[in-house]
PDB file of N, CA and C in Angstrom:
ATOM      1  N   MET A   1      93.446  82.611 107.365  1.00  0.00           N
ATOM      2  CA  MET A   1      94.410  83.204 105.870  1.00  0.00           C
ATOM      3  C   MET A   1      95.198  82.111 105.058  1.00  0.00           C
ATOM      4  N   PHE A   2      95.050  82.440 103.501  1.00  0.00           N
ATOM      5  CA  PHE A   2      95.772  81.587 102.790  1.00  0.00           C
ATOM      6  C   PHE A   2      97.394  80.899 103.226  1.00  0.00           C
ATOM      7  N   PRO A   3      97.942  79.969 103.478  1.00  0.00           N
ATOM      8  CA  PRO A   3      99.048  79.641 103.734  1.00  0.00           C
ATOM      9  C   PRO A   3     100.514  80.134 102.328  1.00  0.00           C
ATOM     10  N   ILE A   4     100.900  80.792 102.946  1.00  0.00           N
ATOM     11  CA  ILE A   4     102.045  81.121 101.993  1.00  0.00           C
ATOM     12  C   ILE A   4     103.219  80.111 102.547  1.00  0.00           C
ATOM     13  N   GLN A   5     103.660  79.679 100.650  1.00  0.00           N
ATOM     14  CA  GLN A   5     104.565  78.555 100.576  1.00  0.00           C
ATOM     15  C   GLN A   5     105.607  79.142 100.498  1.00  0.00           C
ATOM     16  N   GLU A   6     107.318  78.009 100.702  1.00  0.00           N
ATOM     17  CA  GLU A   6     108.469  78.547 100.479  1.00  0.00           C
ATOM     18  C   GLU A   6     108.531  78.207  98.964  1.00  0.00           C
ATOM     19  N   ILE A   7     109.404  78.961  98.196  1.00  0.00           N
ATOM     20  CA  ILE A   7     109.516  79.459  96.934  1.00  0.00           C
ATOM     21  C   ILE A   7     110.747  79.040  96.943  1.00  0.00           C
ATOM     22  N   ASP A   8     111.537  78.328  96.072  1.00  0.00           N
ATOM     23  CA  ASP A   8     112.916  78.216  96.066  1.00  0.00           C
ATOM     24  C   ASP A   8     113.153  78.806  94.996  1.00  0.00           C
ATOM     25  N   ASP A   9     114.523  79.525  94.833  1.00  0.00           N
ATOM     26  CA  ASP A   9     115.157  80.321  94.016  1.00  0.00           C
ATOM     27  C   ASP A   9     114.742  79.369  92.416  1.00  0.00           C
ATOM     28  N   ALA A  10     114.634  78.406  91.740  1.00  0.00           N
ATOM     29  CA  ALA A  10     114.295  77.570  90.801  1.00  0.00           C
ATOM     30  C   ALA A  10     112.719  77.916  90.010  1.00  0.00           C
ATOM     31  N   THR A  11     112.172  77.560  91.261  1.00  0.00           N
ATOM     32  CA  THR A  11     110.922  77.991  91.096  1.00  0.00           C
ATOM     33  C   THR A  11     110.232  79.491  90.459  1.00  0.00           C
ATOM     34  N   LEU A  12     111.089  80.231  91.781  1.00  0.00           N
ATOM     35  CA  LEU A  12     110.792  81.879  91.351  1.00  0.00           C
ATOM     36  C   LEU A  12     111.358  82.032  89.734  1.00  0.00           C
ATOM     37  N   ALA A  13     112.754  81.569  89.599  1.00  0.00           N
ATOM     38  CA  ALA A  13     113.030  81.945  87.937  1.00  0.00           C
ATOM     39  C   ALA A  13     112.037  81.266  86.687  1.00  0.00           C
ATOM     40  N   PHE A  14     111.871  80.164  87.467  1.00  0.00           N
ATOM     41  CA  PHE A  14     110.954  79.315  85.905  1.00  0.00           C
ATOM     42  C   PHE A  14     109.691  78.564  86.964  1.00  0.00           C
ATOM     43  N   PRO A  15     108.747  79.974  87.021  1.00  0.00           N
ATOM     44  CA  PRO A  15     107.865  79.073  87.686  1.00  0.00           C
ATOM     45  C   PRO A  15     106.538  78.452  86.935  1.00  0.00           C
ATOM     46  N   ALA A  16     106.986  77.060  86.464  1.00  0.00           N
ATOM     47  CA  ALA A  16     105.964  76.284  85.377  1.00  0.00           C
ATOM     48  C   ALA A  16     104.695  76.091  86.123  1.00  0.00           C
ATOM     49  N   THR A  17     105.030  75.509  87.513  1.00  0.00           N
ATOM     50  CA  THR A  17     103.528  75.211  87.750  1.00  0.00           C
ATOM     51  C   THR A  17     103.009  75.551  89.593  1.00  0.00           C
ATOM     52  N   VAL A  18     101.885  76.364  89.197  1.00  0.00           N
ATOM     53  CA  VAL A  18     101.547  77.718  90.183  1.00  0.00           C
ATOM     54  C   VAL A  18     100.506  77.237  90.634  1.00  0.00           C
ATOM     55  N   LEU A  19      99.419  76.613  90.085  1.00  0.00           N
ATOM     56  CA  LEU A  19      98.232  76.323  90.475  1.00  0.00           C
ATOM     57  C   LEU A  19      98.112  75.866  91.785  1.00  0.00           C
ATOM     58  N   HIS A  20      99.012  75.244  92.589  1.00  0.00           N
ATOM     59  CA  HIS A  20      99.194  74.822  93.988  1.00  0.00           C
ATOM     60  C   HIS A  20      99.251  75.654  94.818  1.00  0.00           C
ATOM     61  N   LEU A  21      99.814  76.951  94.452  1.00  0.00           N
ATOM     62  CA  LEU A  21     100.466  77.900  94.821  1.00  0.00           C
ATOM     63  C   LEU A  21      99.063  79.197  94.888  1.00  0.00           C
ATOM     64  N   MET A  22      97.954  79.203  94.019  1.00  0.00           N
ATOM     65  CA  MET A  22      97.006  80.462  94.148  1.00  0.00           C
ATOM     66  C   MET A  22      95.660  79.566  94.662  1.00  0.00           C
ATOM     67  N   PRO A  23      94.598  80.716  95.681  1.00  0.00           N
ATOM     68  CA  PRO A  23      93.222  80.460  95.753  1.00  0.00           C
ATOM     69  C   PRO A  23      92.767  79.393  94.946  1.00  0.00           C
ATOM     70  N   LYS A  24      91.884  78.289  95.400  1.00  0.00           N
ATOM     71  CA  LYS A  24      90.732  78.051  94.131  1.00  0.00           C
ATOM     72  C   LYS A  24      89.973  79.658  93.707  1.00  0.00           C
ATOM     73  N   MET A  25      89.706  79.790  92.440  1.00  0.00           N
ATOM     74  CA  MET A  25      88.771  80.775  92.354  1.00  0.00           C
ATOM     75  C   MET A  25      87.758  81.107  92.711  1.00  0.00           C
ATOM     76  N   GLU A  26      86.898  79.973  92.947  1.00  0.00           N
ATOM     77  CA  GLU A  26      85.235  79.673  94.036  1.00  0.00           C
ATOM     78  C   GLU A  26      85.790  80.440  95.211  1.00  0.00           C
ATOM     79  N   ASP A  27      86.907  80.040  95.837  1.00  0.00           N
ATOM     80  CA  ASP A  27      87.352  80.704  97.158  1.00  0.00           C
ATOM     81  C   ASP A  27      87.414  82.165  96.981  1.00  0.00           C
ATOM     82  N   ILE A  28      87.954  82.894  95.520  1.00  0.00           N
ATOM     83  CA  ILE A  28      88.403  84.551  95.921  1.00  0.00           C
ATOM     84  C   ILE A  28      86.886  85.129  95.627  1.00  0.00           C
ATOM     85  N   PRO A  29      86.616  86.033  96.563  1.00  0.00           N
ATOM     86  CA  PRO A  29      85.511  86.643  96.324  1.00  0.00           C
ATOM     87  C   PRO A  29      85.499  87.652  95.148  1.00  0.00           C
ATOM     88  N   GLU A  30      84.035  87.364  94.375  1.00  0.00           N
ATOM     89  CA  GLU A  30      83.663  88.215  93.141  1.00  0.00           C
ATOM     90  C   GLU A  30      84.282  90.122  93.513  1.00  0.00           C
ATOM     91  N   VAL A  31      85.317  90.603  92.785  1.00  0.00           N
ATOM     92  CA  VAL A  31      85.051  92.307  93.078  1.00  0.00           C
ATOM     93  C   VAL A  31      85.044  92.662  91.696  1.00  0.00           C
ATOM     94  N   ARG A  32      83.431  93.961  92.378  1.00  0.00           N
ATOM     95  CA  ARG A  32      82.892  94.408  90.693  1.00  0.00           C
ATOM     96  C   ARG A  32      84.276  95.726  90.634  1.00  0.00           C
ATOM     97  N   ASN A  33      84.568  96.163  91.675  1.00  0.00           N
ATOM     98  CA  ASN A  33      85.658  97.483  91.306  1.00  0.00           C
ATOM     99  C   ASN A  33      87.030  97.056  91.294  1.00  0.00           C
ATOM    100  N   ARG A  34      87.861  97.782  90.411  1.00  0.00           N
ATOM    101  CA  ARG A  34      88.665  96.933  90.632  1.00  0.00           C
ATOM    102  C   ARG A  34      89.800  98.292  91.594  1.00  0.00           C
ATOM    103  N   SER A  35      90.733  97.016  92.277  1.00  0.00           N
ATOM    104  CA  SER A  35      91.520  97.854  93.436  1.00  0.00           C
ATOM    105  C   SER A  35      92.596  98.435  93.171  1.00  0.00           C
ATOM    106  N   LYS A  36      93.413  99.230  94.075  1.00  0.00           N
ATOM    107  CA  LYS A  36      94.571  99.662  94.480  1.00  0.00           C
ATOM    108  C   LYS A  36      95.437  98.402  94.485  1.00  0.00           C
ATOM    109  N   TRP A  37      95.104  97.559  94.446  1.00  0.00           N
ATOM    110  CA  TRP A  37      95.883  96.185  94.163  1.00  0.00           C
ATOM    111  C   TRP A  37      96.053  95.600  93.424  1.00  0.00           C
ATOM    112  N   ASN A  38      94.917  95.361  92.621  1.00  0.00           N
ATOM    113  CA  ASN A  38      94.685  95.461  90.889  1.00  0.00           C
ATOM    114  C   ASN A  38      95.383  96.467  90.220  1.00  0.00           C
ATOM    115  N   GLU A  39      95.854  97.928  90.931  1.00  0.00           N
ATOM    116  CA  GLU A  39      96.438  98.818  89.920  1.00  0.00           C
ATOM    117  C   GLU A  39      97.936  98.403  90.202  1.00  0.00           C
ATOM    118  N   LEU A  40      98.317  97.801  91.761  1.00  0.00           N
ATOM    119  CA  LEU A  40      99.532  97.423  92.078  1.00  0.00           C
ATOM    120  C   LEU A  40     100.111  96.336  91.099  1.00  0.00           C
ATOM    121  N   PHE A  41      99.156  95.432  91.054  1.00  0.00           N
ATOM    122  CA  PHE A  41      99.112  94.386  89.921  1.00  0.00           C
ATOM    123  C   PHE A  41      99.995  94.290  88.360  1.00  0.00           C
ATOM    124  N   ALA A  42      98.755  95.469  88.148  1.00  0.00           N
ATOM    125  CA  ALA A  42      99.288  95.848  86.906  1.00  0.00           C
ATOM    126  C   ALA A  42     100.121  96.427  86.515  1.00  0.00           C
ATOM    127  N   ASP A  43     100.890  97.749  87.255  1.00  0.00           N
ATOM    128  CA  ASP A  43     102.028  97.980  86.995  1.00  0.00           C
ATOM    129  C   ASP A  43     102.878  96.933  87.052  1.00  0.00           C
ATOM    130  N   TRP A  44     103.287  96.353  87.849  1.00  0.00           N
ATOM    131  CA  TRP A  44     104.353  95.573  88.568  1.00  0.00           C
ATOM    132  C   TRP A  44     104.521  94.332  87.207  1.00  0.00           C
ATOM    133  N   PHE A  45     103.332  94.085  86.406  1.00  0.00           N
ATOM    134  CA  PHE A  45     103.596  92.908  85.412  1.00  0.00           C
ATOM    135  C   PHE A  45     103.324  93.260  84.262  1.00  0.00           C
ATOM    136  N   TYR A  46     102.908  95.166  83.993  1.00  0.00           N
ATOM    137  CA  TYR A  46     103.465  95.265  82.063  1.00  0.00           C
ATOM    138  C   TYR A  46     104.347  96.367  82.061  1.00  0.00           C
ATOM    139  N   CYS A  47     104.503  96.849  83.738  1.00  0.00           N
ATOM    140  CA  CYS A  47     105.889  98.216  83.397  1.00  0.00           C
ATOM    141  C   CYS A  47     107.030  97.173  84.586  1.00  0.00           C
ATOM    142  N   GLY A  48     106.872  96.910  85.302  1.00  0.00           N
ATOM    143  CA  GLY A  48     107.735  96.606  86.476  1.00  0.00           C
ATOM    144  C   GLY A  48     107.923  97.339  87.343  1.00  0.00           C
ATOM    145  N   LEU A  49     108.501  97.430  88.702  1.00  0.00           N
ATOM    146  CA  LEU A  49     108.672  98.518  89.515  1.00  0.00           C
ATOM    147  C   LEU A  49     110.066  98.718  89.827  1.00  0.00           C
ATOM    148  N   GLU A  50     110.367 100.124  90.253  1.00  0.00           N
ATOM    149  CA  GLU A  50     111.284 100.893  90.510  1.00  0.00           C
ATOM    150  C   GLU A  50     111.330 100.736  91.844  1.00  0.00           C
ATOM    151  N   LYS A  51     110.105 100.835  92.598  1.00  0.00           N
ATOM    152  CA  LYS A  51     110.714 100.552  94.229  1.00  0.00           C
ATOM    153  C   LYS A  51     109.026 100.248  94.657  1.00  0.00           C
ATOM    154  N   LEU A  52     109.053  99.567  95.673  1.00  0.00           N
ATOM    155  CA  LEU A  52     108.151  98.968  96.145  1.00  0.00           C
ATOM    156  C   LEU A  52     107.973  98.500  97.801  1.00  0.00           C
ATOM    157  N   GLU A  53     107.444  99.555  98.681  1.00  0.00           N
ATOM    158  CA  GLU A  53     107.037  98.980  99.917  1.00  0.00           C
ATOM    159  C   GLU A  53     105.900  98.772 100.428  1.00  0.00           C
ATOM    160  N   LEU A  54     105.961  97.691 101.504  1.00  0.00           N
ATOM    161  CA  LEU A  54     104.879  96.578 101.694  1.00  0.00           C
ATOM    162  C   LEU A  54     104.874  96.666 102.874  1.00  0.00           C
ATOM    163  N   LYS A  55     103.843  97.107 103.796  1.00  0.00           N
ATOM    164  CA  LYS A  55     102.973  96.752 104.923  1.00  0.00           C
ATOM    165  C   LYS A  55     102.577  95.099 105.707  1.00  0.00           C
ATOM    166  N   PRO A  56     103.406  94.155 105.686  1.00  0.00           N
ATOM    167  CA  PRO A  56     102.502  92.915 105.954  1.00  0.00           C
ATOM    168  C   PRO A  56     101.677  93.052 107.084  1.00  0.00           C
ATOM    169  N   LYS A  57     100.520  92.545 106.796  1.00  0.00           N
ATOM    170  CA  LYS A  57      99.973  92.276 108.263  1.00  0.00           C
ATOM    171  C   LYS A  57     100.788  91.236 109.193  1.00  0.00           C
ATOM    172  N   GLU A  58      99.995  91.424 110.556  1.00  0.00           N
ATOM    173  CA  GLU A  58     100.374  90.404 111.629  1.00  0.00           C
ATOM    174  C   GLU A  58     100.887  88.990 111.522  1.00  0.00           C
ATOM    175  N   GLY A  59     102.014  88.773 111.247  1.00  0.00           N
ATOM    176  CA  GLY A  59     102.492  87.326 111.206  1.00  0.00           C
ATOM    177  C   GLY A  59     102.723  86.932 110.144  1.00  0.00           C
ATOM    178  N   VAL A  60     102.853  87.845 108.658  1.00  0.00           N
ATOM    179  CA  VAL A  60     103.165  87.075 107.488  1.00  0.00           C
ATOM    180  C   VAL A  60     104.454  87.999 107.433  1.00  0.00           C
ATOM    181  N   ASP A  61     105.289  86.929 106.901  1.00  0.00           N
ATOM    182  CA  ASP A  61     106.837  87.008 106.353  1.00  0.00           C
ATOM    183  C   ASP A  61     106.579  87.966 105.108  1.00  0.00           C
ATOM    184  N   LYS A  62     107.101  89.173 104.896  1.00  0.00           N
ATOM    185  CA  LYS A  62     106.759  89.764 103.735  1.00  0.00           C
ATOM    186  C   LYS A  62     107.650  89.403 102.638  1.00  0.00           C
ATOM    187  N   ASP A  63     108.994  88.641 102.690  1.00  0.00           N
ATOM    188  CA  ASP A  63     109.947  88.493 101.748  1.00  0.00           C
ATOM    189  C   ASP A  63     109.369  87.357 101.136  1.00  0.00           C
ATOM    190  N   LYS A  64     109.203  85.952 102.097  1.00  0.00           N
ATOM    191  CA  LYS A  64     108.474  84.542 101.748  1.00  0.00           C
ATOM    192  C   LYS A  64     107.508  85.039 101.001  1.00  0.00           C
ATOM    193  N   ALA A  65     106.375  86.176 101.373  1.00  0.00           N
ATOM    194  CA  ALA A  65     104.936  86.200 100.671  1.00  0.00           C
ATOM    195  C   ALA A  65     105.533  86.924  99.419  1.00  0.00           C
ATOM    196  N   LEU A  66     106.025  87.584  99.205  1.00  0.00           N
ATOM    197  CA  LEU A  66     106.338  88.241  98.081  1.00  0.00           C
ATOM    198  C   LEU A  66     107.374  87.358  96.836  1.00  0.00           C
ATOM    199  N   ARG A  67     107.883  86.152  97.357  1.00  0.00           N
ATOM    200  CA  ARG A  67     108.407  85.344  96.454  1.00  0.00           C
ATOM    201  C   ARG A  67     106.971  84.373  96.451  1.00  0.00           C
ATOM    202  N   HIS A  68     106.532  84.161  96.768  1.00  0.00           N
ATOM    203  CA  HIS A  68     105.152  83.445  96.203  1.00  0.00           C
ATOM    204  C   HIS A  68     104.161  84.030  95.346  1.00  0.00           C
ATOM    205  N   ILE A  69     104.218  85.995  95.477  1.00  0.00           N
ATOM    206  CA  ILE A  69     103.501  86.238  94.429  1.00  0.00           C
ATOM    207  C   ILE A  69     103.852  86.187  93.111  1.00  0.00           C
ATOM    208  N   GLY A  70     105.377  86.160  93.928  1.00  0.00           N
ATOM    209  CA  GLY A  70     106.165  86.304  92.206  1.00  0.00           C
ATOM    210  C   GLY A  70     106.152  85.321  91.314  1.00  0.00           C
ATOM    211  N   ALA A  71     105.871  83.830  91.931  1.00  0.00           N
ATOM    212  CA  ALA A  71     106.327  82.742  91.262  1.00  0.00           C
ATOM    213  C   ALA A  71     104.685  82.643  90.672  1.00  0.00           C
ATOM    214  N   ILE A  72     103.619  83.112  91.044  1.00  0.00           N
ATOM    215  CA  ILE A  72     102.159  83.343  90.287  1.00  0.00           C
ATOM    216  C   ILE A  72     102.378  84.342  88.850  1.00  0.00           C
ATOM    217  N   MET A  73     103.072  85.349  89.641  1.00  0.00           N
ATOM    218  CA  MET A  73     103.019  86.450  88.725  1.00  0.00           C
ATOM    219  C   MET A  73     103.735  86.096  86.925  1.00  0.00           C
ATOM    220  N   GLY A  74     104.914  85.046  87.442  1.00  0.00           N
ATOM    221  CA  GLY A  74     106.136  85.015  86.025  1.00  0.00           C
ATOM    222  C   GLY A  74     106.009  83.628  85.484  1.00  0.00           C
ATOM    223  N   SER A  75     104.802  82.875  85.885  1.00  0.00           N
ATOM    224  CA  SER A  75     104.093  81.638  85.674  1.00  0.00           C
ATOM    225  C   SER A  75     103.316  82.052  84.124  1.00  0.00           C
ATOM    226  N   PHE A  76     103.534  81.011  83.211  1.00  0.00           N
ATOM    227  CA  PHE A  76     102.289  81.044  81.982  1.00  0.00           C
ATOM    228  C   PHE A  76     101.223  80.257  82.363  1.00  0.00           C
ATOM    229  N   GLN A  77     101.079  79.637  83.225  1.00  0.00           N
ATOM    230  CA  GLN A  77     100.138  78.060  83.858  1.00  0.00           C
ATOM    231  C   GLN A  77      98.748  78.796  83.815  1.00  0.00           C
ATOM    232  N   PRO A  78      98.244  79.764  84.616  1.00  0.00           N
ATOM    233  CA  PRO A  78      96.924  80.227  84.685  1.00  0.00           C
ATOM    234  C   PRO A  78      96.579  81.318  83.665  1.00  0.00           C
ATOM    235  N   LYS A  79      95.634  81.267  83.469  1.00  0.00           N
ATOM    236  CA  LYS A  79      95.200  82.208  82.952  1.00  0.00           C
ATOM    237  C   LYS A  79      95.674  83.954  83.241  1.00  0.00           C
ATOM    238  N   HIS A  80      95.337  84.354  82.278  1.00  0.00           N
ATOM    239  CA  HIS A  80      96.358  86.144  83.070  1.00  0.00           C
ATOM    240  C   HIS A  80      94.504  86.626  84.419  1.00  0.00           C
ATOM    241  N   GLU A  81      93.207  86.530  83.693  1.00  0.00           N
ATOM    242  CA  GLU A  81      92.047  87.147  84.682  1.00  0.00           C
ATOM    243  C   GLU A  81      92.587  86.224  86.300  1.00  0.00           C
ATOM    244  N   ASP A  82      92.917  85.143  85.706  1.00  0.00           N
ATOM    245  CA  ASP A  82      92.991  83.882  87.051  1.00  0.00           C
ATOM    246  C   ASP A  82      93.944  84.676  88.044  1.00  0.00           C
ATOM    247  N   LYS A  83      95.700  84.890  87.461  1.00  0.00           N
ATOM    248  CA  LYS A  83      96.158  85.282  87.762  1.00  0.00           C
ATOM    249  C   LYS A  83      96.105  86.475  88.349  1.00  0.00           C
ATOM    250  N   GLU A  84      95.839  87.121  87.936  1.00  0.00           N
ATOM    251  CA  GLU A  84      95.411  88.902  88.763  1.00  0.00           C
ATOM    252  C   GLU A  84      94.568  88.512  90.068  1.00  0.00           C
ATOM    253  N   ALA A  85      93.298  87.854  89.632  1.00  0.00           N
ATOM    254  CA  ALA A  85      92.430  87.449  90.594  1.00  0.00           C
ATOM    255  C   ALA A  85      93.229  86.907  92.172  1.00  0.00           C
ATOM    256  N   ALA A  86      94.111  85.729  91.901  1.00  0.00           N
ATOM    257  CA  ALA A  86      94.896  85.203  92.825  1.00  0.00           C
ATOM    258  C   ALA A  86      95.583  86.322  93.523  1.00  0.00           C
ATOM    259  N   VAL A  87      96.633  86.956  92.647  1.00  0.00           N
ATOM    260  CA  VAL A  87      97.806  88.273  93.005  1.00  0.00           C
ATOM    261  C   VAL A  87      96.920  89.034  94.068  1.00  0.00           C
ATOM    262  N   VAL A  88      95.646  89.874  93.455  1.00  0.00           N
ATOM    263  CA  VAL A  88      95.320  90.791  93.830  1.00  0.00           C
ATOM    264  C   VAL A  88      94.435  90.123  95.450  1.00  0.00           C
ATOM    265  N   PHE A  89      94.008  89.352  95.528  1.00  0.00           N
ATOM    266  CA  PHE A  89      93.420  88.635  96.737  1.00  0.00           C
ATOM    267  C   PHE A  89      94.910  87.751  97.684  1.00  0.00           C
ATOM    268  N   LEU A  90      95.604  87.860  97.089  1.00  0.00           N
ATOM    269  CA  LEU A  90      96.615  87.126  98.444  1.00  0.00           C
ATOM    270  C   LEU A  90      97.396  88.528  98.679  1.00  0.00           C
ATOM    271  N   PHE A  91      97.515  89.802  98.132  1.00  0.00           N
ATOM    272  CA  PHE A  91      97.951  91.061  98.024  1.00  0.00           C
ATOM    273  C   PHE A  91      97.172  91.384  99.363  1.00  0.00           C
ATOM    274  N   ALA A  92      95.629  91.385  99.386  1.00  0.00           N
ATOM    275  CA  ALA A  92      94.830  91.429 100.367  1.00  0.00           C
ATOM    276  C   ALA A  92      94.558  91.202 101.796  1.00  0.00           C
ATOM    277  N   GLU A  93      95.197  89.745 101.342  1.00  0.00           N
ATOM    278  CA  GLU A  93      95.072  88.313 102.192  1.00  0.00           C
ATOM    279  C   GLU A  93      96.151  88.902 103.913  1.00  0.00           C
ATOM    280  N   TRP A  94      97.332  89.383 102.745  1.00  0.00           N
ATOM    281  CA  TRP A  94      99.205  89.147 103.187  1.00  0.00           C
ATOM    282  C   TRP A  94      99.347  91.025 103.847  1.00  0.00           C
ATOM    283  N   PHE A  95      98.648  91.843 103.176  1.00  0.00           N
ATOM    284  CA  PHE A  95      99.221  93.184 103.403  1.00  0.00           C
ATOM    285  C   PHE A  95      98.680  93.861 103.904  1.00  0.00           C
ATOM    286  N   GLU A  96      98.494  94.907 104.560  1.00  0.00           N
ATOM    287  CA  GLU A  96      98.033  96.258 104.866  1.00  0.00           C
ATOM    288  C   GLU A  96      98.194  97.411 103.877  1.00  0.00           C
ATOM    289  N   GLU A  97      99.099  97.435 103.759  1.00  0.00           N
ATOM    290  CA  GLU A  97      99.127  98.922 102.351  1.00  0.00           C
ATOM    291  C   GLU A  97     100.554  98.019 101.685  1.00  0.00           C
ATOM    292  N   ALA A  98     100.690  99.151 100.338  1.00  0.00           N
ATOM    293  CA  ALA A  98     101.507  99.504  99.961  1.00  0.00           C
ATOM    294  C   ALA A  98     101.519 100.668  99.193  1.00  0.00           C
ATOM    295  N   THR A  99     103.392 101.105  98.639  1.00  0.00           N
ATOM    296  CA  THR A  99     103.356 102.466  97.948  1.00  0.00           C
ATOM    297  C   THR A  99     104.497 101.909  97.133  1.00  0.00           C
ATOM    298  N   TRP A 100     104.319 102.196  95.658  1.00  0.00           N
ATOM    299  CA  TRP A 100     105.027 101.604  94.672  1.00  0.00           C
ATOM    300  C   TRP A 100     105.209 102.715  93.648  1.00  0.00           C
ATOM    301  N   THR A 101     106.482 102.527  92.715  1.00  0.00           N
ATOM    302  CA  THR A 101     106.669 103.406  91.398  1.00  0.00           C
ATOM    303  C   THR A 101     106.894 102.676  90.528  1.00  0.00           C
ATOM    304  N   ASN A 102     106.064 103.210  89.442  1.00  0.00           N
ATOM    305  CA  ASN A 102     106.324 101.817  88.398  1.00  0.00           C
ATOM    306  C   ASN A 102     107.258 102.378  87.989  1.00  0.00           C
ATOM    307  N   LYS A 103     107.821 101.448  86.775  1.00  0.00           N
ATOM    308  CA  LYS A 103     109.309 101.854  86.114  1.00  0.00           C
ATOM    309  C   LYS A 103     108.438 102.726  84.570  1.00  0.00           C
ATOM    310  N   ALA A 104     109.088 103.618  84.052  1.00  0.00           N
ATOM    311  CA  ALA A 104     108.941 104.290  82.976  1.00  0.00           C
ATOM    312  C   ALA A 104     109.136 103.583  82.063  1.00  0.00           C
ATOM    313  N   LYS A 105     107.625 103.482  81.090  1.00  0.00           N
ATOM    314  CA  LYS A 105     107.600 102.993  79.290  1.00  0.00           C
ATOM    315  C   LYS A 105     108.363 104.171  78.309  1.00  0.00           C
ATOM    316  N   SER A 106     108.814 103.442  77.823  1.00  0.00           N
ATOM    317  CA  SER A 106     110.226 104.113  76.967  1.00  0.00           C
ATOM    318  C   SER A 106     109.784 103.175  75.476  1.00  0.00           C
ATOM    319  N   PHE A 107     110.237 103.927  74.609  1.00  0.00           N
ATOM    320  CA  PHE A 107     110.062 103.611  72.975  1.00  0.00           C
ATOM    321  C   PHE A 107     111.313 104.054  71.959  1.00  0.00           C
ATOM    322  N   ALA A 108     112.316 103.879  71.807  1.00  0.00           N
ATOM    323  CA  ALA A 108     113.092 104.621  70.752  1.00  0.00           C
ATOM    324  C   ALA A 108     114.029 105.307  72.057  1.00  0.00           C
ATOM    325  N   GLY A 109     114.053 105.940  72.848  1.00  0.00           N
ATOM    326  CA  GLY A 109     114.421 106.155  74.151  1.00  0.00           C
ATOM    327  C   GLY A 109     113.501 107.529  74.634  1.00  0.00           C
ATOM    328  N   LEU A 110     112.169 107.625  73.827  1.00  0.00           N
ATOM    329  CA  LEU A 110     111.042 108.348  74.085  1.00  0.00           C
ATOM    330  C   LEU A 110     110.793 107.766  75.458  1.00  0.00           C
ATOM    331  N   ILE A 111     109.875 108.720  76.301  1.00  0.00           N
ATOM    332  CA  ILE A 111     109.571 108.528  77.713  1.00  0.00           C
ATOM    333  C   ILE A 111     108.053 108.445  77.127  1.00  0.00           C
ATOM    334  N   HIS A 112     107.271 107.181  77.213  1.00  0.00           N
ATOM    335  CA  HIS A 112     105.661 107.803  76.826  1.00  0.00           C
ATOM    336  C   HIS A 112     104.822 107.860  78.044  1.00  0.00           C
ATOM    337  N   LYS A 113     105.439 107.187  78.644  1.00  0.00           N
ATOM    338  CA  LYS A 113     104.866 106.683  80.562  1.00  0.00           C
ATOM    339  C   LYS A 113     105.556 107.116  81.114  1.00  0.00           C
ATOM    340  N   PRO A 114     105.560 108.598  82.143  1.00  0.00           N
ATOM    341  CA  PRO A 114     106.148 108.360  83.442  1.00  0.00           C
ATOM    342  C   PRO A 114     106.412 107.642  84.324  1.00  0.00           C
ATOM    343  N   SER A 115     107.266 107.282  85.054  1.00  0.00           N
ATOM    344  CA  SER A 115     106.918 106.921  86.423  1.00  0.00           C
ATOM    345  C   SER A 115     106.211 107.473  87.382  1.00  0.00           C
ATOM    346  N   VAL A 116     105.317 107.137  88.053  1.00  0.00           N
ATOM    347  CA  VAL A 116     104.462 107.187  88.715  1.00  0.00           C
ATOM    348  C   VAL A 116     104.346 106.385  90.359  1.00  0.00           C
ATOM    349  N   THR A 117     104.747 106.913  91.409  1.00  0.00           N
ATOM    350  CA  THR A 117     104.494 106.512  92.599  1.00  0.00           C
ATOM    351  C   THR A 117     102.794 106.588  92.856  1.00  0.00           C
ATOM    352  N   LYS A 118     102.637 105.483  93.574  1.00  0.00           N
ATOM    353  CA  LYS A 118     101.017 105.091  94.008  1.00  0.00           C
ATOM    354  C   LYS A 118     101.066 104.609  95.462  1.00  0.00           C
ATOM    355  N   SER A 119      99.689 104.565  95.764  1.00  0.00           N
ATOM    356  CA  SER A 119      99.783 103.791  97.157  1.00  0.00           C
ATOM    357  C   SER A 119      98.248 103.424  97.469  1.00  0.00           C
ATOM    358  N   THR A 120      98.444 102.057  98.442  1.00  0.00           N
ATOM    359  CA  THR A 120      96.724 101.572  98.712  1.00  0.00           C
ATOM    360  C   THR A 120      95.967 102.184  99.535  1.00  0.00           C
ATOM    361  N   LYS A 121      97.046 103.545 100.023  1.00  0.00           N
ATOM    362  CA  LYS A 121      96.165 104.417 100.755  1.00  0.00           C
ATOM    363  C   LYS A 121      94.812 104.835 100.460  1.00  0.00           C
ATOM    364  N   GLU A 122      94.027 105.299 101.128  1.00  0.00           N
ATOM    365  CA  GLU A 122      92.974 106.005 100.752  1.00  0.00           C
ATOM    366  C   GLU A 122      93.379 107.649 100.719  1.00  0.00           C
TER     367      GLU A 122
END
C-alpha cells in the first residue's frame, strides 16, 4: 500500500511541491476504461463536492488520506493527467467505496448542471 503522508495546514492550503506525495507514473497500472474513481476526481476537481462519504480500507486513516489527496489535487506542479492518475490510484488504494454529491454548476444565477449523487458501488 502506498504510504499516507502527514499534510500540514500550510501545505494543504498552498501545495507547491507534491511529486513526493504521488506514486511514480510507471508504478500506476494503465487503465483503459474510466472508473467511478475518475468520476469522483472529475466532480471534485471541476465542480466541487457538497458531500463525500468514504469507506476506508482497513488500517487507513480517512482524514489523513483525504488531506494527502487534497494536497495533490490543489497543486499546479504535476500535469493534470498525472495528477488524475495519481489521485485515482490513491482513491482505489486507500478506499473501498465512496458516495458523493457534486455541486450544481451555475452561471448568472441559472443552474446549468444540477447536483447529482453518485457512488463507486456497482
